[in-house]
Amino acid sequence: MPLLQVRNMPDDLYDVLSATAERERRSVAQETIVLLRSSLMRPISQQERVQAIFREVNESPPTPLRDDPYPDPVALIREDRDR
């Protein structure tokens, strides 16, 4: 079984993890596995996928394809033929 080591974990996060593990009567390692499994293995809905895609598109800056916003169609066709 692979080994996972987490360094520089914030104290407040570890305290919450430890308290949750104690409340659930698990070790910290067992609780970590349960929490990772529940958050990473849950199926996401179609709506969540679409929202994530829109969020990613909205956060990325637009990149212009060319310097000229209205290039000459003849030049574009010539450029395409030369490829």
N, C-alpha and C. Protein backbone atom coordinates (compact mmCIF):
# COMPACT_ATOMS: atom_id res chain seq x y z
N MET A 1 0.85 -1.17 0.00
CA MET A 1 0.00 0.00 0.00
C MET A 1 0.89 1.24 0.00
N PRO A 2 0.56 2.24 -0.83
CA PRO A 2 1.37 3.46 -0.89
C PRO A 2 1.32 4.24 0.43
N LEU A 3 2.36 4.99 0.65
CA LEU A 3 2.47 5.80 1.86
C LEU A 3 2.34 7.27 1.46
N LEU A 4 1.54 8.02 2.21
CA LEU A 4 1.35 9.44 1.95
C LEU A 4 1.84 10.21 3.16
N GLN A 5 2.70 11.18 2.91
CA GLN A 5 3.21 12.03 3.99
C GLN A 5 2.85 13.47 3.65
N VAL A 6 2.26 14.16 4.60
CA VAL A 6 1.89 15.56 4.40
C VAL A 6 2.76 16.41 5.31
N ARG A 7 3.49 17.33 4.69
CA ARG A 7 4.37 18.19 5.47
C ARG A 7 3.76 19.58 5.60
N ASN A 8 4.14 20.26 6.64
CA ASN A 8 3.73 21.66 6.88
C ASN A 8 2.22 21.81 6.93
N MET A 9 1.55 20.85 7.53
CA MET A 9 0.10 20.93 7.69
C MET A 9 -0.21 21.97 8.76
N PRO A 10 -1.11 22.89 8.48
CA PRO A 10 -1.47 23.91 9.47
C PRO A 10 -2.02 23.28 10.75
N ASP A 11 -1.63 23.85 11.87
CA ASP A 11 -2.04 23.29 13.16
C ASP A 11 -3.56 23.26 13.31
N ASP A 12 -4.24 24.31 12.88
CA ASP A 12 -5.69 24.35 13.05
C ASP A 12 -6.38 23.26 12.23
N LEU A 13 -5.85 22.97 11.04
CA LEU A 13 -6.42 21.91 10.21
C LEU A 13 -6.18 20.54 10.84
N TYR A 14 -4.98 20.34 11.38
CA TYR A 14 -4.69 19.07 12.04
C TYR A 14 -5.56 18.88 13.28
N ASP A 15 -5.79 19.96 14.02
CA ASP A 15 -6.64 19.87 15.21
C ASP A 15 -8.06 19.45 14.85
N VAL A 16 -8.59 20.00 13.75
CA VAL A 16 -9.94 19.63 13.31
C VAL A 16 -9.96 18.17 12.87
N LEU A 17 -8.94 17.76 12.12
CA LEU A 17 -8.85 16.38 11.65
C LEU A 17 -8.75 15.42 12.83
N SER A 18 -7.92 15.77 13.79
CA SER A 18 -7.74 14.93 14.98
C SER A 18 -9.03 14.83 15.79
N ALA A 19 -9.71 15.95 15.96
CA ALA A 19 -10.97 15.94 16.72
C ALA A 19 -12.04 15.12 16.00
N THR A 20 -12.09 15.25 14.68
CA THR A 20 -13.06 14.48 13.90
C THR A 20 -12.76 12.99 14.01
N ALA A 21 -11.49 12.64 13.92
CA ALA A 21 -11.09 11.23 14.04
C ALA A 21 -11.46 10.68 15.41
N GLU A 22 -11.23 11.46 16.43
CA GLU A 22 -11.57 11.01 17.79
C GLU A 22 -13.07 10.84 17.95
N ARG A 23 -13.84 11.77 17.40
CA ARG A 23 -15.29 11.70 17.49
C ARG A 23 -15.83 10.47 16.75
N GLU A 24 -15.19 10.13 15.63
CA GLU A 24 -15.61 8.97 14.84
C GLU A 24 -14.95 7.67 15.29
N ARG A 25 -14.13 7.77 16.33
CA ARG A 25 -13.41 6.62 16.89
C ARG A 25 -12.51 5.95 15.84
N ARG A 26 -11.77 6.80 15.15
CA ARG A 26 -10.82 6.33 14.15
C ARG A 26 -9.46 6.96 14.45
N SER A 27 -8.43 6.37 13.85
CA SER A 27 -7.12 7.02 13.94
C SER A 27 -7.11 8.19 12.95
N VAL A 28 -6.12 9.05 13.09
CA VAL A 28 -6.00 10.18 12.18
C VAL A 28 -5.79 9.68 10.75
N ALA A 29 -5.00 8.64 10.60
CA ALA A 29 -4.76 8.07 9.27
C ALA A 29 -6.05 7.51 8.67
N GLN A 30 -6.82 6.78 9.48
CA GLN A 30 -8.09 6.22 8.98
C GLN A 30 -9.06 7.34 8.60
N GLU A 31 -9.13 8.36 9.42
CA GLU A 31 -10.05 9.47 9.14
C GLU A 31 -9.63 10.21 7.87
N THR A 32 -8.33 10.36 7.68
CA THR A 32 -7.83 11.01 6.46
C THR A 32 -8.25 10.22 5.23
N ILE A 33 -8.12 8.90 5.28
CA ILE A 33 -8.54 8.06 4.15
C ILE A 33 -10.03 8.19 3.90
N VAL A 34 -10.83 8.16 4.96
CA VAL A 34 -12.28 8.29 4.81
C VAL A 34 -12.64 9.64 4.18
N LEU A 35 -12.04 10.71 4.65
CA LEU A 35 -12.34 12.04 4.12
C LEU A 35 -11.88 12.19 2.67
N LEU A 36 -10.69 11.69 2.36
CA LEU A 36 -10.22 11.76 0.97
C LEU A 36 -11.12 10.95 0.05
N ARG A 37 -11.47 9.76 0.49
CA ARG A 37 -12.34 8.92 -0.34
C ARG A 37 -13.69 9.58 -0.57
N SER A 38 -14.28 10.14 0.46
CA SER A 38 -15.61 10.74 0.32
C SER A 38 -15.58 11.99 -0.57
N SER A 39 -14.47 12.74 -0.53
CA SER A 39 -14.43 13.96 -1.34
C SER A 39 -13.94 13.70 -2.75
N LEU A 40 -13.04 12.76 -2.95
CA LEU A 40 -12.48 12.53 -4.27
C LEU A 40 -13.24 11.50 -5.10
N MET A 41 -13.91 10.59 -4.46
CA MET A 41 -14.57 9.51 -5.18
C MET A 41 -16.05 9.76 -5.43
N ARG A 42 -16.57 10.87 -4.94
CA ARG A 42 -17.99 11.11 -5.14
C ARG A 42 -18.23 11.51 -6.59
N PRO A 43 -19.26 10.97 -7.19
CA PRO A 43 -19.55 11.36 -8.58
C PRO A 43 -20.07 12.79 -8.61
N ILE A 44 -19.59 13.57 -9.56
CA ILE A 44 -20.09 14.93 -9.66
C ILE A 44 -21.19 14.98 -10.72
N SER A 45 -22.14 15.82 -10.49
CA SER A 45 -23.28 15.91 -11.38
C SER A 45 -22.89 16.64 -12.66
N GLN A 46 -23.73 16.49 -13.66
CA GLN A 46 -23.52 17.17 -14.94
C GLN A 46 -23.51 18.69 -14.73
N GLN A 47 -24.39 19.17 -13.87
CA GLN A 47 -24.46 20.60 -13.62
C GLN A 47 -23.16 21.11 -12.98
N GLU A 48 -22.59 20.34 -12.05
CA GLU A 48 -21.33 20.74 -11.43
C GLU A 48 -20.20 20.76 -12.45
N ARG A 49 -20.19 19.80 -13.37
CA ARG A 49 -19.18 19.77 -14.42
C ARG A 49 -19.27 21.02 -15.31
N VAL A 50 -20.49 21.34 -15.71
CA VAL A 50 -20.70 22.51 -16.57
C VAL A 50 -20.28 23.78 -15.84
N GLN A 51 -20.65 23.89 -14.57
CA GLN A 51 -20.27 25.07 -13.79
C GLN A 51 -18.76 25.19 -13.67
N ALA A 52 -18.07 24.06 -13.49
CA ALA A 52 -16.61 24.08 -13.38
C ALA A 52 -15.98 24.52 -14.70
N ILE A 53 -16.54 24.06 -15.81
CA ILE A 53 -16.01 24.46 -17.12
C ILE A 53 -16.20 25.96 -17.33
N PHE A 54 -17.41 26.46 -17.03
CA PHE A 54 -17.66 27.90 -17.19
C PHE A 54 -16.76 28.72 -16.27
N ARG A 55 -16.54 28.25 -15.06
CA ARG A 55 -15.67 28.95 -14.12
C ARG A 55 -14.25 29.02 -14.68
N GLU A 56 -13.78 27.91 -15.23
CA GLU A 56 -12.43 27.87 -15.81
C GLU A 56 -12.32 28.81 -17.01
N VAL A 57 -13.33 28.82 -17.86
CA VAL A 57 -13.32 29.69 -19.03
C VAL A 57 -13.36 31.15 -18.60
N ASN A 58 -14.18 31.49 -17.64
CA ASN A 58 -14.30 32.87 -17.18
C ASN A 58 -13.03 33.38 -16.49
N GLU A 59 -12.29 32.47 -15.86
CA GLU A 59 -11.09 32.88 -15.14
C GLU A 59 -9.88 33.01 -16.06
N SER A 60 -9.91 32.37 -17.22
CA SER A 60 -8.76 32.44 -18.11
C SER A 60 -8.89 33.67 -19.01
N PRO A 61 -7.80 34.38 -19.17
CA PRO A 61 -7.86 35.60 -20.01
C PRO A 61 -8.00 35.23 -21.48
N PRO A 62 -8.71 36.05 -22.23
CA PRO A 62 -8.84 35.77 -23.66
C PRO A 62 -7.51 36.00 -24.37
N THR A 63 -7.24 35.17 -25.32
CA THR A 63 -6.00 35.32 -26.08
C THR A 63 -6.36 35.60 -27.54
N PRO A 64 -5.91 36.72 -28.06
CA PRO A 64 -6.22 37.02 -29.46
C PRO A 64 -5.48 36.05 -30.38
N LEU A 65 -6.17 35.63 -31.42
CA LEU A 65 -5.55 34.72 -32.37
C LEU A 65 -4.58 35.45 -33.29
N ARG A 66 -4.91 36.67 -33.61
CA ARG A 66 -4.08 37.47 -34.52
C ARG A 66 -4.04 38.90 -34.00
N ASP A 67 -3.09 39.65 -34.53
CA ASP A 67 -2.99 41.06 -34.15
C ASP A 67 -4.15 41.87 -34.74
N ASP A 68 -4.52 41.52 -35.96
CA ASP A 68 -5.58 42.24 -36.66
C ASP A 68 -6.92 41.58 -36.36
N PRO A 69 -7.89 42.29 -35.77
CA PRO A 69 -9.18 41.66 -35.45
C PRO A 69 -9.97 41.24 -36.68
N TYR A 70 -9.73 41.89 -37.83
CA TYR A 70 -10.44 41.57 -39.06
C TYR A 70 -9.44 41.31 -40.19
N PRO A 71 -8.83 40.13 -40.18
CA PRO A 71 -7.81 39.86 -41.20
C PRO A 71 -8.44 39.70 -42.59
N ASP A 72 -7.61 39.88 -43.59
CA ASP A 72 -8.05 39.77 -44.97
C ASP A 72 -8.35 38.30 -45.29
N PRO A 73 -9.56 37.96 -45.75
CA PRO A 73 -9.90 36.57 -46.04
C PRO A 73 -8.98 35.94 -47.08
N VAL A 74 -8.57 36.71 -48.06
CA VAL A 74 -7.67 36.17 -49.09
C VAL A 74 -6.34 35.76 -48.46
N ALA A 75 -5.83 36.59 -47.56
CA ALA A 75 -4.57 36.27 -46.88
C ALA A 75 -4.72 35.02 -46.03
N LEU A 76 -5.87 34.86 -45.39
CA LEU A 76 -6.10 33.67 -44.56
C LEU A 76 -6.12 32.41 -45.43
N ILE A 77 -6.80 32.47 -46.56
CA ILE A 77 -6.87 31.31 -47.45
C ILE A 77 -5.48 30.98 -47.99
N ARG A 78 -4.72 32.02 -48.37
CA ARG A 78 -3.37 31.80 -48.88
C ARG A 78 -2.48 31.17 -47.80
N GLU A 79 -2.61 31.68 -46.57
CA GLU A 79 -1.83 31.15 -45.44
C GLU A 79 -2.18 29.68 -45.20
N ASP A 80 -3.45 29.36 -45.28
CA ASP A 80 -3.89 27.98 -45.05
C ASP A 80 -3.36 27.05 -46.15
N ARG A 81 -3.36 27.50 -47.38
CA ARG A 81 -2.87 26.69 -48.50
C ARG A 81 -1.37 26.45 -48.41
N ASP A 82 -0.66 27.42 -47.86
CA ASP A 82 0.80 27.31 -47.76
C ASP A 82 1.25 26.32 -46.67
N ARG A 83 0.39 25.91 -45.84
CA ARG A 83 0.77 24.99 -44.75
C ARG A 83 1.10 23.63 -45.26
